[in-house]
Amino acid sequence: MPFINTKFSGEITSAQQDEIKTAFGKTVSILGKSESWLMVGFEENVPLYFKGEKSPKIAFVEVSLYGNASGSAYDKFTGEVCKILGETLGVPADKVYVKYSPTDNWGWSGRNF
């Protein structure tokens, strides 16, 4: 049950959203999760500053997941996120932050797991 939300400083076309969503769906298995439970969100044109500067290509990715993953899985997934956003949106890897929020409490369909 992961939710991956991407905040991006520029515009994201529908085709780019589909490409990113598909790529996240394939790589989420690194975290021990499957695409069948994956939810993906996008926020575009978000004013983001890094090192005191506004850049046209900055992204902040929040990964919320039920349970936890290993440190090596997080490392590998961060690399994939940077690769995906670099190829799709042109965001340099050094302008991407990825935040992980594992939880033991996750609700769905009127109840909690």
C-alpha atoms as a PDB file:
ATOM      1  CA  MET A   1       0.000   0.000   0.000  1.00  0.00           C
ATOM      2  CA  PRO A   2       2.402   2.666  -1.041  1.00  0.00           C
ATOM      3  CA  PHE A   3       1.495   6.199  -2.042  1.00  0.00           C
ATOM      4  CA  ILE A   4       4.090   8.087  -4.070  1.00  0.00           C
ATOM      5  CA  ASN A   5       3.504  11.813  -4.422  1.00  0.00           C
ATOM      6  CA  THR A   6       5.740  13.916  -6.646  1.00  0.00           C
ATOM      7  CA  LYS A   7       5.971  17.680  -6.260  1.00  0.00           C
ATOM      8  CA  PHE A   8       7.645  19.277  -9.269  1.00  0.00           C
ATOM      9  CA  SER A   9       8.615  22.872  -9.940  1.00  0.00           C
ATOM     10  CA  GLY A  10       7.414  22.762 -13.557  1.00  0.00           C
ATOM     11  CA  GLU A  11       4.588  21.364 -15.626  1.00  0.00           C
ATOM     12  CA  ILE A  12       3.968  17.638 -16.063  1.00  0.00           C
ATOM     13  CA  THR A  13       2.058  16.511 -19.137  1.00  0.00           C
ATOM     14  CA  SER A  14      -0.446  13.674 -18.991  1.00  0.00           C
ATOM     15  CA  ALA A  15       1.938  11.549 -21.046  1.00  0.00           C
ATOM     16  CA  GLN A  16       4.760  12.230 -18.568  1.00  0.00           C
ATOM     17  CA  GLN A  17       2.466  11.375 -15.645  1.00  0.00           C
ATOM     18  CA  ASP A  18       1.586   8.066 -17.303  1.00  0.00           C
ATOM     19  CA  GLU A  19       5.245   7.320 -17.960  1.00  0.00           C
ATOM     20  CA  ILE A  20       6.252   8.073 -14.366  1.00  0.00           C
ATOM     21  CA  LYS A  21       3.293   6.134 -12.948  1.00  0.00           C
ATOM     22  CA  THR A  22       4.192   3.112 -15.063  1.00  0.00           C
ATOM     23  CA  ALA A  23       7.853   3.296 -14.065  1.00  0.00           C
ATOM     24  CA  PHE A  24       6.984   3.636 -10.365  1.00  0.00           C
ATOM     25  CA  GLY A  25       4.653   0.647 -10.765  1.00  0.00           C
ATOM     26  CA  LYS A  26       7.529  -1.466 -12.052  1.00  0.00           C
ATOM     27  CA  THR A  27      10.108  -0.339  -9.497  1.00  0.00           C
ATOM     28  CA  VAL A  28       7.930  -0.340  -6.361  1.00  0.00           C
ATOM     29  CA  SER A  29       8.734  -4.040  -6.031  1.00  0.00           C
ATOM     30  CA  ILE A  30      12.159  -2.909  -4.760  1.00  0.00           C
ATOM     31  CA  LEU A  31      10.327  -1.873  -1.577  1.00  0.00           C
ATOM     32  CA  GLY A  32       8.539  -5.217  -1.362  1.00  0.00           C
ATOM     33  CA  LYS A  33       5.266  -3.742  -2.670  1.00  0.00           C
ATOM     34  CA  SER A  34       3.205  -4.329  -5.804  1.00  0.00           C
ATOM     35  CA  GLU A  35       1.636  -2.046  -8.373  1.00  0.00           C
ATOM     36  CA  SER A  36      -1.782  -3.541  -7.562  1.00  0.00           C
ATOM     37  CA  TRP A  37      -1.826  -1.470  -4.332  1.00  0.00           C
ATOM     38  CA  LEU A  38       0.120   1.571  -5.575  1.00  0.00           C
ATOM     39  CA  MET A  39      -1.397   5.055  -5.584  1.00  0.00           C
ATOM     40  CA  VAL A  40       0.496   7.841  -7.371  1.00  0.00           C
ATOM     41  CA  GLY A  41      -0.085  11.591  -7.164  1.00  0.00           C
ATOM     42  CA  PHE A  42       1.387  14.638  -8.863  1.00  0.00           C
ATOM     43  CA  GLU A  43       1.640  18.283  -7.903  1.00  0.00           C
ATOM     44  CA  GLU A  44       3.035  20.502 -10.630  1.00  0.00           C
ATOM     45  CA  ASN A  45       4.213  24.112 -10.709  1.00  0.00           C
ATOM     46  CA  VAL A  46       5.123  23.969  -7.019  1.00  0.00           C
ATOM     47  CA  PRO A  47       7.462  26.806  -5.990  1.00  0.00           C
ATOM     48  CA  LEU A  48      10.506  24.879  -4.740  1.00  0.00           C
ATOM     49  CA  TYR A  49      13.838  26.310  -3.647  1.00  0.00           C
ATOM     50  CA  PHE A  50      17.050  24.383  -3.066  1.00  0.00           C
ATOM     51  CA  LYS A  51      20.228  25.850  -1.594  1.00  0.00           C
ATOM     52  CA  GLY A  52      18.481  29.219  -1.576  1.00  0.00           C
ATOM     53  CA  GLU A  53      17.785  29.168  -5.285  1.00  0.00           C
ATOM     54  CA  LYS A  54      14.667  28.620  -7.334  1.00  0.00           C
ATOM     55  CA  SER A  55      15.239  26.193 -10.179  1.00  0.00           C
ATOM     56  CA  PRO A  56      12.956  25.179 -13.033  1.00  0.00           C
ATOM     57  CA  LYS A  57      13.815  21.518 -12.401  1.00  0.00           C
ATOM     58  CA  ILE A  58      13.396  20.497  -8.739  1.00  0.00           C
ATOM     59  CA  ALA A  59      11.363  17.591  -7.353  1.00  0.00           C
ATOM     60  CA  PHE A  60      10.321  16.413  -3.907  1.00  0.00           C
ATOM     61  CA  VAL A  61       9.027  12.847  -3.792  1.00  0.00           C
ATOM     62  CA  GLU A  62       7.154  11.506  -0.768  1.00  0.00           C
ATOM     63  CA  VAL A  63       6.903   7.734  -0.445  1.00  0.00           C
ATOM     64  CA  SER A  64       4.393   6.582   2.165  1.00  0.00           C
ATOM     65  CA  LEU A  65       4.124   2.869   2.726  1.00  0.00           C
ATOM     66  CA  TYR A  66       2.463   0.364   4.966  1.00  0.00           C
ATOM     67  CA  GLY A  67       5.232  -1.410   6.832  1.00  0.00           C
ATOM     68  CA  ASN A  68       8.900  -0.822   6.260  1.00  0.00           C
ATOM     69  CA  ALA A  69      11.698  -1.702   3.850  1.00  0.00           C
ATOM     70  CA  SER A  70      15.428  -2.221   4.297  1.00  0.00           C
ATOM     71  CA  GLY A  71      17.956   0.576   4.054  1.00  0.00           C
ATOM     72  CA  SER A  72      19.388  -0.975   0.903  1.00  0.00           C
ATOM     73  CA  ALA A  73      15.903  -1.103  -0.654  1.00  0.00           C
ATOM     74  CA  TYR A  74      15.403   2.603   0.105  1.00  0.00           C
ATOM     75  CA  ASP A  75      18.819   3.382  -1.424  1.00  0.00           C
ATOM     76  CA  LYS A  76      18.009   1.434  -4.576  1.00  0.00           C
ATOM     77  CA  PHE A  77      14.543   2.947  -4.899  1.00  0.00           C
ATOM     78  CA  THR A  78      15.931   6.480  -4.482  1.00  0.00           C
ATOM     79  CA  GLY A  79      18.312   5.779  -7.359  1.00  0.00           C
ATOM     80  CA  GLU A  80      15.422   4.601  -9.514  1.00  0.00           C
ATOM     81  CA  VAL A  81      13.277   7.634  -8.631  1.00  0.00           C
ATOM     82  CA  CYS A  82      16.129   9.956  -9.639  1.00  0.00           C
ATOM     83  CA  LYS A  83      16.638   8.039 -12.884  1.00  0.00           C
ATOM     84  CA  ILE A  84      12.914   8.094 -13.726  1.00  0.00           C
ATOM     85  CA  LEU A  85      12.523  11.816 -13.037  1.00  0.00           C
ATOM     86  CA  GLY A  86      15.741  12.584 -14.878  1.00  0.00           C
ATOM     87  CA  GLU A  87      14.671  10.705 -17.993  1.00  0.00           C
ATOM     88  CA  THR A  88      11.055  11.880 -17.938  1.00  0.00           C
ATOM     89  CA  LEU A  89      11.219  15.453 -16.618  1.00  0.00           C
ATOM     90  CA  GLY A  90      14.891  16.333 -16.980  1.00  0.00           C
ATOM     91  CA  VAL A  91      15.404  16.769 -13.241  1.00  0.00           C
ATOM     92  CA  PRO A  92      19.061  16.397 -12.216  1.00  0.00           C
ATOM     93  CA  ALA A  93      19.553  13.790  -9.478  1.00  0.00           C
ATOM     94  CA  ASP A  94      21.079  16.434  -7.205  1.00  0.00           C
ATOM     95  CA  LYS A  95      17.788  18.376  -7.348  1.00  0.00           C
ATOM     96  CA  VAL A  96      15.620  15.495  -6.098  1.00  0.00           C
ATOM     97  CA  TYR A  97      14.741  14.793  -2.471  1.00  0.00           C
ATOM     98  CA  VAL A  98      13.001  11.525  -1.610  1.00  0.00           C
ATOM     99  CA  LYS A  99      11.288  11.191   1.767  1.00  0.00           C
ATOM    100  CA  TYR A 100      10.161   7.826   3.122  1.00  0.00           C
ATOM    101  CA  SER A 101       7.344   7.533   5.637  1.00  0.00           C
ATOM    102  CA  PRO A 102       6.714   3.946   6.716  1.00  0.00           C
ATOM    103  CA  THR A 103       3.743   3.305   8.990  1.00  0.00           C
ATOM    104  CA  ASP A 104       2.058   0.427  10.804  1.00  0.00           C
ATOM    105  CA  ASN A 105      -1.319   2.161  10.484  1.00  0.00           C
ATOM    106  CA  TRP A 106      -2.932   2.194   7.051  1.00  0.00           C
ATOM    107  CA  GLY A 107      -6.617   2.426   6.260  1.00  0.00           C
ATOM    108  CA  TRP A 108      -8.487   1.287   3.190  1.00  0.00           C
ATOM    109  CA  SER A 109     -12.071   0.521   2.311  1.00  0.00           C
ATOM    110  CA  GLY A 110     -13.469   1.634   5.652  1.00  0.00           C
ATOM    111  CA  ARG A 111     -11.025  -0.274   7.875  1.00  0.00           C
ATOM    112  CA  ASN A 112      -7.378  -0.522   8.826  1.00  0.00           C
ATOM    113  CA  PHE A 113      -4.912  -3.274   8.028  1.00  0.00           C
END
